[in-house]
Amino acid sequence: MKAMNLWLKGVRNRMKLELWWPLLAQKMTGHYQYYGISGNIRGLQSFYYHTEQLAFKWVNRRSQRKSYNWGQFNRFLSFNPLPKPKIYHFYALSKQK
């Protein structure tokens, strides 16, 4: 999460929101593809939740006045959704005797 926080902090003023939001979605998809193994859905859901919180934080720090409240941000997310957590690699857990 620290790396995501630093990336969001660095990119918030360098590009317009319309340009870096798809990059954030790509970063999240890559994270899910790498860490999306059987049994790790809670970790992926935690990553999604914290990334959403960080995105709200840094979107609102682009100027001296707030850009969004939570209702407006959720409306923005409904039109520009972030990818939801998904398991990409399924492994059968075998019992050993």
Protein backbone atom coordinates (compact mmCIF):
# COMPACT_ATOMS: atom_id res chain seq x y z
CA MET A 1 0.00 0.00 0.00
CA LYS A 2 2.93 2.30 0.60
CA ALA A 3 3.97 2.13 -3.04
CA MET A 4 0.40 2.81 -4.20
CA ASN A 5 0.18 5.77 -1.83
CA LEU A 6 3.42 7.24 -3.18
CA TRP A 7 2.34 6.68 -6.79
CA LEU A 8 -1.04 8.38 -6.23
CA LYS A 9 0.64 11.25 -4.40
CA GLY A 10 3.11 11.74 -7.24
CA VAL A 11 0.66 11.49 -10.13
CA ARG A 12 -2.22 13.55 -8.75
CA ASN A 13 -0.96 16.91 -10.07
CA ARG A 14 1.21 15.78 -12.97
CA MET A 15 -1.68 14.61 -15.14
CA LYS A 16 -5.39 15.26 -15.35
CA LEU A 17 -7.65 12.80 -13.57
CA GLU A 18 -8.97 11.52 -16.91
CA LEU A 19 -5.43 10.45 -17.86
CA TRP A 20 -4.23 8.80 -14.66
CA TRP A 21 -7.46 7.05 -13.67
CA PRO A 22 -7.06 4.36 -16.41
CA LEU A 23 -3.43 3.90 -15.29
CA LEU A 24 -4.67 3.25 -11.77
CA ALA A 25 -7.09 0.64 -13.15
CA GLN A 26 -4.21 -1.03 -15.03
CA LYS A 27 -2.05 -1.09 -11.90
CA MET A 28 -4.87 -2.69 -9.93
CA THR A 29 -5.52 -5.31 -12.63
CA GLY A 30 -1.82 -6.16 -12.68
CA HIS A 31 -1.83 -6.55 -8.91
CA TYR A 32 -4.83 -8.88 -9.10
CA GLN A 33 -3.21 -10.93 -11.85
CA TYR A 34 -0.01 -11.34 -9.84
CA TYR A 35 -1.51 -11.94 -6.40
CA GLY A 36 -4.85 -13.43 -7.49
CA ILE A 37 -4.35 -17.01 -6.36
CA SER A 38 -6.79 -19.32 -4.62
CA GLY A 39 -7.28 -18.36 -1.00
CA ASN A 40 -6.15 -14.75 -1.37
CA ILE A 41 -9.48 -13.04 -2.13
CA ARG A 42 -9.52 -11.31 1.27
CA GLY A 43 -6.12 -9.80 0.57
CA LEU A 44 -7.29 -8.58 -2.84
CA GLN A 45 -10.46 -7.11 -1.34
CA SER A 46 -8.36 -5.32 1.27
CA PHE A 47 -6.12 -3.95 -1.50
CA TYR A 48 -9.19 -2.71 -3.40
CA TYR A 49 -10.69 -1.04 -0.32
CA HIS A 50 -7.46 0.71 0.67
CA THR A 51 -6.71 1.81 -2.89
CA GLU A 52 -10.20 3.31 -3.16
CA GLN A 53 -9.62 5.18 0.12
CA LEU A 54 -6.24 6.47 -1.06
CA ALA A 55 -7.64 7.55 -4.43
CA PHE A 56 -10.35 9.56 -2.64
CA LYS A 57 -7.72 11.13 -0.40
CA TRP A 58 -5.39 12.18 -3.22
CA VAL A 59 -8.14 13.30 -5.60
CA ASN A 60 -9.26 15.70 -2.90
CA ARG A 61 -5.76 17.09 -2.37
CA ARG A 62 -5.30 18.36 -5.91
CA SER A 63 -6.29 21.89 -4.92
CA GLN A 64 -7.10 23.86 -1.79
CA ARG A 65 -10.77 23.02 -1.99
CA LYS A 66 -12.28 19.56 -1.94
CA SER A 67 -13.04 18.03 -5.31
CA TYR A 68 -15.45 15.35 -4.10
CA ASN A 69 -17.37 14.27 -1.04
CA TRP A 70 -18.07 10.54 -0.66
CA GLY A 71 -21.39 10.71 -2.50
CA GLN A 72 -19.84 12.51 -5.46
CA PHE A 73 -16.86 10.15 -5.44
CA ASN A 74 -19.15 7.10 -5.46
CA ARG A 75 -21.02 8.62 -8.41
CA PHE A 76 -17.69 9.16 -10.17
CA LEU A 77 -16.83 5.51 -9.45
CA SER A 78 -20.13 4.36 -10.94
CA PHE A 79 -19.15 5.99 -14.25
CA ASN A 80 -15.40 5.24 -13.98
CA PRO A 81 -15.22 1.99 -12.03
CA LEU A 82 -12.05 0.51 -10.66
CA PRO A 83 -11.56 -3.19 -11.39
CA LYS A 84 -12.99 -5.47 -8.74
CA PRO A 85 -10.81 -8.16 -7.12
CA LYS A 86 -10.73 -11.42 -9.02
CA ILE A 87 -8.93 -14.74 -8.67
CA TYR A 88 -6.84 -15.48 -11.77
CA HIS A 89 -4.94 -18.60 -10.65
CA PHE A 90 -6.82 -21.54 -9.19
CA TYR A 91 -4.87 -24.13 -7.23
CA ALA A 92 -6.40 -27.17 -5.61
CA LEU A 93 -5.31 -27.49 -2.03
CA SER A 94 -4.50 -31.15 -1.39
CA LYS A 95 -4.57 -32.81 2.00
CA GLN A 96 -1.40 -34.62 3.00
CA LYS A 97 -1.48 -37.72 5.17
